[in-house]
Amino acid sequence: MMTFPKVKYAALVLFDIDGTLVRRAGPHHREALVEGIRRVTGLKTTTEGIPVQGMLDPDILTLMLERAGASRERIHTAMPEIIEAAERHYLRVCPALKGTHCPAVEPVLDRLTRRGILLGLVTGNLTRIGWRKLERAGLRRYFRFGAFGETAKTRAGLARQAIREARRRGWIERHSPVSLIGDAPADILAARANRIRVIAVRTGITPREELHRHAPDFLLPNLRYLRLQMIEG
């Protein structure tokens, strides 16, 4: 594990996971959601036809349950146990995720860390799924904290939660630069809602034209094109 300094950081950069840090990580995440529902409710579900990019895992689970005929009350009651079951399943089956890094991810994370920039996560992944995914991809050591899919109602709420935690712990000042890097329109909208800088990368499945339409501060082919002045200026 990387040792984190106790001093304040120069800036905060929040990263999405899927499509931003890693891609083509296999079917295990989706399978974990299906298995979590099956174990708790006995219902047969699928993620097919659900536009999962940019969605929070609990919202994906809700849609899966609704399509299987579950009532709103049943969904609400079962959700905590489903989340736990899905996480347990993923922890058991997630393989080593070699070769899944998006371009230039590790060199960029190294450079930002050496520069004294705090790295955090804002992701729709459930907490233990997100951390295990990064662990198996060899990237866990770069990130001090994160906001995950079940800890807020929206992605904007997750970003707000992460920023507040970084300030509360004294890691950054109130006026320190804060950026969010992601590959989906949902990441851009979350950053805009929190009035922070947003850097979109074209390493996910969203077409360039759609990302451009949401007007990120920077739109990059991949992280190889990230410059320090984009997040420190």
Protein backbone atom coordinates (compact mmCIF):
# COMPACT_ATOMS: atom_id res chain seq x y z
CA MET A 1 0.00 0.00 0.00
CA MET A 2 1.17 3.51 -0.78
CA THR A 3 1.91 5.68 2.26
CA PHE A 4 -0.17 8.86 2.20
CA PRO A 5 1.31 12.10 3.63
CA LYS A 6 -0.45 13.83 6.51
CA VAL A 7 -0.02 17.27 4.94
CA LYS A 8 -2.58 19.04 2.80
CA TYR A 9 -2.71 18.18 -0.88
CA ALA A 10 -2.29 20.63 -3.74
CA ALA A 11 -5.50 19.56 -5.44
CA LEU A 12 -8.14 16.81 -5.52
CA VAL A 13 -8.84 14.67 -8.58
CA LEU A 14 -11.83 12.34 -8.50
CA PHE A 15 -11.92 9.40 -10.91
CA ASP A 16 -14.68 7.24 -12.26
CA ILE A 17 -13.66 3.56 -12.57
CA ASP A 18 -15.28 1.75 -15.48
CA GLY A 19 -14.29 3.18 -18.85
CA THR A 20 -11.96 5.70 -17.19
CA LEU A 21 -9.43 3.63 -15.24
CA VAL A 22 -10.26 0.11 -16.45
CA ARG A 23 -12.25 -1.39 -19.29
CA ARG A 24 -13.15 -4.84 -20.56
CA ALA A 25 -12.99 -6.14 -16.99
CA GLY A 26 -15.16 -9.15 -17.79
CA PRO A 27 -18.74 -10.15 -16.93
CA HIS A 28 -18.14 -10.65 -13.22
CA HIS A 29 -19.62 -7.35 -12.07
CA ARG A 30 -22.90 -7.84 -13.91
CA GLU A 31 -23.00 -11.47 -12.81
CA ALA A 32 -22.60 -10.35 -9.19
CA LEU A 33 -25.69 -8.14 -9.45
CA VAL A 34 -27.71 -10.98 -10.96
CA GLU A 35 -26.48 -13.41 -8.31
CA GLY A 36 -27.13 -10.97 -5.46
CA ILE A 37 -30.78 -10.71 -6.50
CA ARG A 38 -31.13 -14.46 -6.99
CA ARG A 39 -29.70 -15.33 -3.59
CA VAL A 40 -31.92 -12.91 -1.71
CA THR A 41 -35.19 -12.99 -3.67
CA GLY A 42 -34.99 -16.07 -5.86
CA LEU A 43 -35.86 -13.93 -8.89
CA LYS A 44 -34.22 -14.51 -12.24
CA THR A 45 -33.00 -11.19 -13.64
CA THR A 46 -30.62 -9.75 -16.21
CA THR A 47 -28.81 -6.51 -16.97
CA GLU A 48 -29.55 -6.93 -20.67
CA GLY A 49 -31.26 -3.87 -22.12
CA ILE A 50 -30.32 -1.65 -19.19
CA PRO A 51 -28.04 1.29 -20.17
CA VAL A 52 -25.66 0.68 -17.27
CA GLN A 53 -22.99 3.22 -18.26
CA GLY A 54 -23.00 6.06 -15.76
CA MET A 55 -25.64 4.41 -13.57
CA LEU A 56 -25.27 3.62 -9.87
CA ASP A 57 -25.37 -0.07 -9.01
CA PRO A 58 -28.44 0.29 -6.73
CA ASP A 59 -30.33 1.93 -9.61
CA ILE A 60 -29.33 -0.93 -11.90
CA LEU A 61 -30.50 -3.44 -9.29
CA THR A 62 -33.79 -1.57 -8.94
CA LEU A 63 -34.45 -1.71 -12.68
CA MET A 64 -33.59 -5.41 -12.77
CA LEU A 65 -36.03 -6.10 -9.94
CA GLU A 66 -38.78 -3.99 -11.44
CA ARG A 67 -38.48 -5.81 -14.74
CA ALA A 68 -38.76 -9.09 -12.83
CA GLY A 69 -42.03 -7.91 -11.27
CA ALA A 70 -40.85 -7.01 -7.77
CA SER A 71 -42.91 -4.42 -5.92
CA ARG A 72 -41.41 -1.14 -4.76
CA GLU A 73 -41.79 -2.21 -1.14
CA ARG A 74 -40.05 -5.53 -1.75
CA ILE A 75 -37.20 -3.79 -3.56
CA HIS A 76 -36.70 -1.32 -0.72
CA THR A 77 -36.76 -4.03 1.93
CA ALA A 78 -34.44 -6.43 0.12
CA MET A 79 -31.91 -3.93 -1.25
CA PRO A 80 -29.41 -3.89 1.67
CA GLU A 81 -29.18 -7.68 1.67
CA ILE A 82 -28.94 -7.80 -2.14
CA ILE A 83 -26.07 -5.31 -2.08
CA GLU A 84 -24.21 -7.39 0.49
CA ALA A 85 -24.79 -10.62 -1.46
CA ALA A 86 -23.64 -9.03 -4.73
CA GLU A 87 -20.47 -7.73 -3.10
CA ARG A 88 -19.70 -11.12 -1.53
CA HIS A 89 -20.12 -12.84 -4.88
CA TYR A 90 -17.83 -10.38 -6.66
CA LEU A 91 -15.14 -10.74 -4.01
CA ARG A 92 -15.18 -14.50 -4.61
CA VAL A 93 -15.11 -14.53 -8.40
CA CYS A 94 -13.22 -11.42 -9.56
CA PRO A 95 -10.08 -12.60 -11.39
CA ALA A 96 -6.80 -10.78 -11.82
CA LEU A 97 -7.59 -7.89 -14.15
CA LYS A 98 -4.36 -7.79 -16.10
CA GLY A 99 -4.47 -5.84 -19.32
CA THR A 100 -7.59 -3.91 -18.37
CA HIS A 101 -6.04 -0.48 -17.75
CA CYS A 102 -7.21 2.32 -19.99
CA PRO A 103 -4.28 3.94 -21.87
CA ALA A 104 -1.60 5.63 -19.71
CA VAL A 105 -3.52 5.12 -16.45
CA GLU A 106 -0.66 3.97 -14.25
CA PRO A 107 1.92 6.56 -15.43
CA VAL A 108 -0.65 9.33 -14.94
CA LEU A 109 -1.60 8.16 -11.44
CA ASP A 110 2.11 7.95 -10.57
CA ARG A 111 2.70 11.49 -11.82
CA LEU A 112 -0.27 12.97 -9.99
CA THR A 113 0.72 11.24 -6.76
CA ARG A 114 4.30 12.49 -6.95
CA ARG A 115 2.92 15.98 -7.57
CA GLY A 116 1.11 15.92 -4.21
CA ILE A 117 -2.40 15.60 -5.64
CA LEU A 118 -5.06 13.69 -3.72
CA LEU A 119 -6.77 10.95 -5.72
CA GLY A 120 -10.28 9.75 -4.91
CA LEU A 121 -13.05 7.76 -6.53
CA VAL A 122 -16.56 8.72 -7.57
CA THR A 123 -18.15 5.61 -9.00
CA GLY A 124 -21.46 3.84 -9.35
CA ASN A 125 -19.80 0.60 -8.25
CA LEU A 126 -20.82 -0.80 -4.88
CA THR A 127 -18.08 -0.14 -2.33
CA ARG A 128 -16.50 -3.58 -2.04
CA ILE A 129 -16.88 -4.22 -5.77
CA GLY A 130 -15.13 -0.96 -6.63
CA TRP A 131 -12.22 -1.51 -4.27
CA ARG A 132 -11.75 -5.13 -5.32
CA LYS A 133 -11.84 -4.19 -9.00
CA LEU A 134 -9.04 -1.68 -8.48
CA GLU A 135 -7.11 -4.09 -6.28
CA ARG A 136 -7.24 -6.82 -8.93
CA ALA A 137 -6.24 -4.28 -11.59
CA GLY A 138 -3.23 -3.21 -9.50
CA LEU A 139 -4.47 0.36 -8.97
CA ARG A 140 -5.82 0.29 -5.41
CA ARG A 141 -2.69 1.80 -3.88
CA TYR A 142 -3.17 5.18 -5.56
CA PHE A 143 -6.53 6.02 -4.00
CA ARG A 144 -7.01 7.26 -0.47
CA PHE A 145 -10.81 7.27 -0.38
CA GLY A 146 -13.93 7.16 -2.51
CA ALA A 147 -17.68 7.64 -2.80
CA PHE A 148 -19.53 4.56 -4.06
CA GLY A 149 -22.86 3.64 -5.60
CA GLU A 150 -24.82 2.83 -2.45
CA THR A 151 -23.67 5.86 -0.44
CA ALA A 152 -25.69 8.56 -2.25
CA LYS A 153 -28.78 8.76 -4.44
CA THR A 154 -27.08 10.34 -7.47
CA ARG A 155 -23.62 10.63 -8.99
CA ALA A 156 -23.69 14.35 -8.20
CA GLY A 157 -24.37 13.39 -4.60
CA LEU A 158 -21.38 11.05 -4.65
CA ALA A 159 -19.09 13.81 -5.91
CA ARG A 160 -20.44 16.16 -3.23
CA GLN A 161 -19.83 13.52 -0.58
CA ALA A 162 -16.24 12.98 -1.71
CA ILE A 163 -15.42 16.69 -1.78
CA ARG A 164 -16.90 17.21 1.66
CA GLU A 165 -14.95 14.29 3.10
CA ALA A 166 -11.68 15.56 1.69
CA ARG A 167 -12.32 18.98 3.22
CA ARG A 168 -13.58 17.59 6.54
CA ARG A 169 -10.44 15.50 6.96
CA GLY A 170 -8.28 18.51 6.23
CA TRP A 171 -6.75 16.97 3.11
CA ILE A 172 -7.62 19.99 0.95
CA GLU A 173 -8.56 23.62 1.56
CA ARG A 174 -12.00 24.98 0.71
CA HIS A 175 -10.61 26.71 -2.38
CA SER A 176 -8.25 23.94 -3.52
CA PRO A 177 -8.71 22.92 -7.17
CA VAL A 178 -11.07 19.95 -7.58
CA SER A 179 -11.55 17.98 -10.81
CA LEU A 180 -13.58 14.96 -11.84
CA ILE A 181 -12.38 12.67 -14.63
CA GLY A 182 -14.87 10.35 -16.31
CA ASP A 183 -15.96 8.82 -19.59
CA ALA A 184 -19.74 9.34 -19.50
CA PRO A 185 -22.21 12.25 -19.64
CA ALA A 186 -23.22 11.38 -16.06
CA ASP A 187 -19.71 12.28 -14.90
CA ILE A 188 -19.87 15.65 -16.64
CA LEU A 189 -23.28 16.42 -15.14
CA ALA A 190 -22.10 15.40 -11.65
CA ALA A 191 -19.13 17.74 -11.89
CA ARG A 192 -21.25 20.61 -13.18
CA ALA A 193 -23.72 20.14 -10.32
CA ASN A 194 -20.84 20.60 -7.88
CA ARG A 195 -19.18 23.44 -9.80
CA ILE A 196 -15.91 21.60 -10.18
CA ARG A 197 -13.70 21.11 -13.22
CA VAL A 198 -14.61 18.19 -15.46
CA ILE A 199 -12.31 16.27 -17.77
CA ALA A 200 -13.93 13.76 -20.10
CA VAL A 201 -11.97 10.92 -21.67
CA ARG A 202 -13.03 8.94 -24.74
CA THR A 203 -12.03 5.55 -23.33
CA GLY A 204 -15.58 4.38 -22.61
CA ILE A 205 -18.45 3.69 -24.97
CA THR A 206 -19.90 7.20 -25.25
CA PRO A 207 -19.34 8.75 -28.71
CA ARG A 208 -17.15 11.83 -28.85
CA GLU A 209 -20.03 13.92 -30.19
CA GLU A 210 -22.19 13.14 -27.17
CA LEU A 211 -19.44 13.99 -24.71
CA HIS A 212 -18.72 17.21 -26.61
CA ARG A 213 -22.40 18.17 -26.46
CA HIS A 214 -22.22 18.16 -22.64
CA ALA A 215 -19.34 20.69 -22.79
CA PRO A 216 -16.67 19.31 -20.44
CA ASP A 217 -13.81 21.66 -19.62
CA PHE A 218 -11.48 19.28 -21.45
CA LEU A 219 -12.27 16.38 -23.78
CA LEU A 220 -9.32 14.01 -24.20
CA PRO A 221 -8.80 10.88 -26.29
CA ASN A 222 -7.35 9.22 -23.17
CA LEU A 223 -5.38 10.04 -20.03
CA ARG A 224 -2.12 10.21 -21.96
CA TYR A 225 -3.23 13.71 -22.98
CA LEU A 226 -3.83 14.94 -19.41
CA ARG A 227 -1.67 17.89 -18.42
CA LEU A 228 -1.04 19.08 -14.88
CA GLN A 229 -2.25 22.59 -15.66
CA MET A 230 -5.68 21.14 -16.47
CA ILE A 231 -6.14 20.19 -12.82
CA GLU A 232 -3.90 22.65 -11.02
CA GLY A 233 -4.72 25.86 -12.87
